[in-house]
Amino acid sequence: MQSPLFAHAEQQTQERYSVQNPQLLRVALEGHDDVLARKGAMVAYQGLIEFDAEYQSQGSQRARAQTGEGLDLMRCHGQGTVYFANLAQYIHVVDVDQDGLTVDSSYVLAMDSSLTHQVIAVDSQYGISGSGKYQLNISGRGKVALMTSGQPLMLQVTPDRYVNADADAVVAWSNGLRVQMQAQTHSSGVWRRRGNTGEGWELSFMGQGYALVQPSEMLPPQNAVIGRGAGAQFGVGQQGARGQNQGNVWS
């Protein structure tokens, strides 16, 4: 059999995490250091691999119920190679160190089981109860695979160069940044998009670090109803305009 398809054959590598192609992740398992992946994200595997639903603590379940933010994970363990993908989104492998990473859970494809994650909330500039955005704080040492709709943009933030980004386009940022949710409008019009420009809530990043944005303002349609409620109207992400203070942790 002959076909141009054979140009897409498996790429051999010694790396534990490798991007097989821009939309397919390859993870090598060697019997230790399990991988946690988004449920249903496995597209193929080789070897003796087992997949088990990951246990969620009562604290995680409570945070998920109250915020809508969280991860539905499966634990992958054994010896062999696993391939992950989700709706042909672009995949990017990030090394998480002591600085940590804050990310929208909708963009997490897989991560090392050595990493921990907690739900936090981002404050709005107006201090209005329920006007913010929930995210996941990932800490520890290990790798995490993120997904974006299209090729992303990595923006560097420095003390003399802060960055503003549409709240619906932000994928992740380094934990060392100070973050505030804001709307470029007066407080009486906070729930309306800015004039007739179609722009609404933004995240403002200050300090030293990086912010990752994607060329899309829509979350991937995975196990969720996209565009429901106030968030769809006011442009505040999948979960709408909710939150309290940056750094608040649900446990």
Protein backbone atom coordinates (compact mmCIF):
# COMPACT_ATOMS: atom_id res chain seq x y z
CA MET A 1 0.00 0.00 0.00
CA GLN A 2 1.27 3.45 -0.90
CA SER A 3 -0.06 6.83 0.13
CA PRO A 4 1.10 10.31 1.14
CA LEU A 5 -0.42 9.39 4.51
CA PHE A 6 2.79 7.53 5.36
CA ALA A 7 4.48 10.90 5.68
CA HIS A 8 2.53 11.19 8.95
CA ALA A 9 4.06 8.08 10.53
CA GLU A 10 4.93 7.94 14.23
CA GLN A 11 7.87 10.13 15.21
CA GLN A 12 10.37 8.34 17.46
CA THR A 13 11.84 10.36 20.32
CA GLN A 14 13.35 9.88 23.76
CA GLU A 15 11.32 12.73 25.23
CA ARG A 16 8.56 11.87 27.69
CA TYR A 17 6.27 14.54 26.21
CA SER A 18 6.55 15.35 22.52
CA VAL A 19 4.28 17.01 20.00
CA GLN A 20 3.76 14.37 17.31
CA ASN A 21 2.31 17.07 15.11
CA PRO A 22 0.85 20.48 16.06
CA GLN A 23 -2.44 18.89 17.10
CA LEU A 24 -1.37 15.54 18.56
CA LEU A 25 0.55 14.87 21.80
CA ARG A 26 2.74 11.81 22.35
CA VAL A 27 3.50 10.74 25.94
CA ALA A 28 5.85 7.88 26.85
CA LEU A 29 5.07 5.92 30.04
CA GLU A 30 7.64 3.73 31.74
CA GLY A 31 5.73 2.25 34.65
CA HIS A 32 6.19 5.23 36.99
CA ASP A 33 5.22 8.91 37.03
CA ASP A 34 1.64 8.55 35.84
CA VAL A 35 0.06 11.08 33.49
CA LEU A 36 -3.26 12.79 34.19
CA ALA A 37 -5.17 13.57 31.01
CA ARG A 38 -8.51 15.07 30.09
CA LYS A 39 -11.18 12.38 30.05
CA GLY A 40 -11.73 11.02 26.57
CA ALA A 41 -8.59 12.67 25.13
CA MET A 42 -6.81 9.41 24.26
CA VAL A 43 -6.85 8.74 20.50
CA ALA A 44 -4.37 5.82 20.37
CA TYR A 45 -1.86 3.91 22.48
CA GLN A 46 0.77 1.19 22.28
CA GLY A 47 1.90 -1.16 25.03
CA LEU A 48 0.31 -2.08 28.36
CA ILE A 49 -1.53 1.06 29.42
CA GLU A 50 -4.41 1.34 31.88
CA PHE A 51 -6.86 4.22 32.16
CA ASP A 52 -8.67 4.96 35.42
CA ALA A 53 -10.94 7.82 36.44
CA GLU A 54 -9.05 10.19 38.73
CA TYR A 55 -10.44 10.58 42.24
CA GLN A 56 -11.72 14.05 43.14
CA SER A 57 -11.54 15.16 46.75
CA GLN A 58 -14.59 16.65 48.43
CA GLY A 59 -12.87 20.03 48.31
CA SER A 60 -12.37 19.74 44.55
CA GLN A 61 -15.96 18.65 44.06
CA ARG A 62 -17.22 21.55 46.16
CA ALA A 63 -15.07 24.05 44.26
CA ARG A 64 -16.27 22.62 40.95
CA ALA A 65 -19.91 22.90 42.03
CA GLN A 66 -19.53 26.51 43.23
CA THR A 67 -17.29 27.87 40.48
CA GLY A 68 -17.70 25.61 37.46
CA GLU A 69 -13.90 25.48 37.23
CA GLY A 70 -12.10 22.15 37.50
CA LEU A 71 -10.70 19.21 35.60
CA ASP A 72 -12.32 15.93 34.63
CA LEU A 73 -9.22 13.74 34.55
CA MET A 74 -8.24 10.15 33.92
CA ARG A 75 -5.04 8.57 35.24
CA CYS A 76 -2.89 6.84 32.62
CA HIS A 77 -0.28 4.36 33.87
CA GLY A 78 1.73 1.42 32.62
CA GLN A 79 4.40 0.98 29.98
CA GLY A 80 4.01 2.18 26.44
CA THR A 81 3.07 5.24 24.40
CA VAL A 82 -0.17 7.21 24.53
CA TYR A 83 -1.44 9.77 22.03
CA PHE A 84 -3.76 12.58 23.15
CA ALA A 85 -5.74 15.17 21.21
CA ASN A 86 -8.88 17.27 21.57
CA LEU A 87 -10.87 18.65 18.64
CA ALA A 88 -7.69 19.16 16.58
CA GLN A 89 -6.59 22.04 18.81
CA TYR A 90 -2.96 23.15 18.81
CA ILE A 91 -0.89 21.60 21.60
CA HIS A 92 1.96 23.17 23.57
CA VAL A 93 4.10 21.53 26.28
CA VAL A 94 5.07 23.75 29.23
CA ASP A 95 7.62 23.02 31.96
CA VAL A 96 6.16 24.11 35.30
CA ASP A 97 8.70 25.04 37.98
CA GLN A 98 8.52 26.78 41.33
CA ASP A 99 6.93 29.86 39.73
CA GLY A 100 3.80 27.89 38.85
CA LEU A 101 1.16 28.49 36.18
CA THR A 102 -2.41 29.79 36.18
CA VAL A 103 -4.61 28.45 33.40
CA ASP A 104 -8.23 28.10 32.34
CA SER A 105 -9.09 24.43 32.87
CA SER A 106 -10.68 24.25 29.42
CA TYR A 107 -7.21 24.50 27.87
CA VAL A 108 -5.50 21.69 29.83
CA LEU A 109 -4.95 18.47 27.87
CA ALA A 110 -2.57 16.49 30.13
CA MET A 111 -0.14 16.93 33.02
CA ASP A 112 2.29 15.03 35.19
CA SER A 113 0.67 13.48 38.26
CA SER A 114 3.34 15.19 40.39
CA LEU A 115 1.67 18.57 39.77
CA THR A 116 -1.11 19.89 41.97
CA HIS A 117 -3.97 22.19 40.99
CA GLN A 118 -6.34 24.42 42.94
CA VAL A 119 -9.18 26.74 41.96
CA ILE A 120 -8.54 30.46 42.48
CA ALA A 121 -10.52 33.59 41.58
CA VAL A 122 -9.49 36.79 39.83
CA ASP A 123 -10.83 40.05 41.24
CA SER A 124 -12.66 42.64 39.17
CA GLN A 125 -11.55 46.25 39.38
CA TYR A 126 -14.98 47.32 40.67
CA GLY A 127 -15.16 44.95 43.63
CA ILE A 128 -18.65 43.90 42.56
CA SER A 129 -19.72 40.66 44.17
CA GLY A 130 -19.77 37.94 41.55
CA SER A 131 -17.81 39.90 38.93
CA GLY A 132 -14.64 37.97 38.28
CA LYS A 133 -13.22 34.84 36.69
CA TYR A 134 -12.15 31.48 38.11
CA GLN A 135 -8.95 29.78 37.01
CA LEU A 136 -6.73 26.82 37.97
CA ASN A 137 -3.45 27.36 39.76
CA ILE A 138 -0.98 24.60 38.82
CA SER A 139 2.09 24.22 41.03
CA GLY A 140 4.97 21.84 41.60
CA ARG A 141 7.51 20.55 39.10
CA GLY A 142 6.54 18.77 35.93
CA LYS A 143 5.06 19.19 32.49
CA VAL A 144 1.61 20.26 31.40
CA ALA A 145 0.21 20.17 27.87
CA LEU A 146 -1.99 23.13 26.97
CA MET A 147 -4.35 23.55 24.01
CA THR A 148 -5.17 26.65 21.98
CA SER A 149 -7.57 27.41 19.16
CA GLY A 150 -5.02 28.43 16.53
CA GLN A 151 -1.40 29.41 17.05
CA PRO A 152 -1.04 31.43 20.26
CA LEU A 153 0.81 34.59 21.20
CA MET A 154 3.17 34.67 24.21
CA LEU A 155 3.39 38.16 25.68
CA GLN A 156 6.16 39.19 28.06
CA VAL A 157 5.14 41.31 31.03
CA THR A 158 7.71 43.52 32.79
CA PRO A 159 7.40 46.11 35.59
CA ASP A 160 7.48 48.90 32.99
CA ARG A 161 5.39 47.08 30.38
CA TYR A 162 2.04 45.72 31.52
CA VAL A 163 -0.30 43.80 29.23
CA ASN A 164 -4.08 43.89 28.80
CA ALA A 165 -5.87 41.03 27.06
CA ASP A 166 -9.46 40.07 26.31
CA ALA A 167 -10.63 37.82 29.15
CA ASP A 168 -12.02 35.33 26.63
CA ALA A 169 -8.73 35.06 24.72
CA VAL A 170 -6.44 34.48 27.73
CA VAL A 171 -5.22 30.89 28.08
CA ALA A 172 -2.64 31.02 30.89
CA TRP A 173 -0.13 33.17 32.73
CA SER A 174 2.80 32.77 35.13
CA ASN A 175 1.86 32.89 38.80
CA GLY A 176 4.23 35.73 39.64
CA LEU A 177 2.05 38.26 37.84
CA ARG A 178 -0.46 40.54 39.53
CA VAL A 179 -3.77 40.17 37.73
CA GLN A 180 -6.91 42.25 37.78
CA MET A 181 -10.14 41.98 35.85
CA GLN A 182 -11.36 45.26 34.44
CA ALA A 183 -13.72 46.82 31.93
CA GLN A 184 -12.72 49.96 30.05
CA THR A 185 -15.93 51.76 30.87
CA HIS A 186 -17.44 53.70 33.75
CA SER A 187 -18.90 51.73 36.64
CA SER A 188 -22.54 52.37 35.75
CA GLY A 189 -21.96 50.62 32.42
CA VAL A 190 -19.81 47.80 33.77
CA TRP A 191 -22.16 45.10 32.49
CA ARG A 192 -22.26 46.49 28.97
CA ARG A 193 -19.60 45.97 26.32
CA ARG A 194 -17.48 49.02 25.58
CA GLY A 195 -19.68 51.26 23.48
CA ASN A 196 -20.45 49.56 20.17
CA THR A 197 -16.94 48.11 19.72
CA GLY A 198 -17.88 44.62 20.91
CA GLU A 199 -15.08 44.68 23.51
CA GLY A 200 -15.82 43.94 27.15
CA TRP A 201 -13.94 42.50 30.12
CA GLU A 202 -10.15 42.41 30.11
CA LEU A 203 -7.43 40.91 32.27
CA SER A 204 -4.64 43.30 33.18
CA PHE A 205 -1.22 41.74 33.91
CA MET A 206 1.48 43.54 35.91
CA GLY A 207 4.87 42.49 37.27
CA GLN A 208 7.37 40.08 35.75
CA GLY A 209 6.32 37.07 33.73
CA TYR A 210 4.37 35.90 30.69
CA ALA A 211 0.77 35.79 29.51
CA LEU A 212 -0.46 33.40 26.81
CA VAL A 213 -3.36 34.38 24.54
CA GLN A 214 -4.96 32.63 21.59
CA PRO A 215 -6.42 34.04 18.35
CA SER A 216 -9.95 33.17 19.44
CA GLU A 217 -12.41 34.38 22.03
CA MET A 218 -14.29 31.11 22.27
CA LEU A 219 -13.57 28.19 24.60
CA PRO A 220 -13.32 24.73 23.04
CA PRO A 221 -16.74 23.00 23.00
CA GLN A 222 -15.83 20.06 25.25
CA ASN A 223 -18.33 18.58 27.68
CA ALA A 224 -19.83 22.00 28.25
CA VAL A 225 -22.52 24.30 26.96
CA ILE A 226 -20.69 27.19 25.33
CA GLY A 227 -22.08 30.70 25.29
CA ARG A 228 -24.68 30.28 28.03
CA GLY A 229 -25.79 32.88 30.51
CA ALA A 230 -24.26 36.25 31.29
CA GLY A 231 -20.76 35.21 30.28
CA ALA A 232 -21.80 34.83 26.65
CA GLN A 233 -23.41 38.25 26.67
CA PHE A 234 -20.76 40.15 28.53
CA GLY A 235 -17.62 38.39 27.29
CA VAL A 236 -16.28 36.97 30.53
CA GLY A 237 -15.40 33.42 29.54
CA GLN A 238 -17.21 30.12 29.90
CA GLN A 239 -18.28 30.65 33.50
CA GLY A 240 -19.48 34.22 33.13
CA ALA A 241 -18.57 37.17 35.34
CA ARG A 242 -17.86 35.66 38.74
CA GLY A 243 -15.12 35.75 41.35
CA GLN A 244 -13.68 37.41 44.38
CA ASN A 245 -9.97 37.99 45.01
CA GLN A 246 -6.88 36.82 43.14
CA GLY A 247 -5.20 34.28 45.38
CA ASN A 248 -8.36 32.96 47.01
CA VAL A 249 -8.09 29.17 47.02
CA TRP A 250 -10.98 26.71 47.21
CA SER A 251 -10.23 23.69 49.36
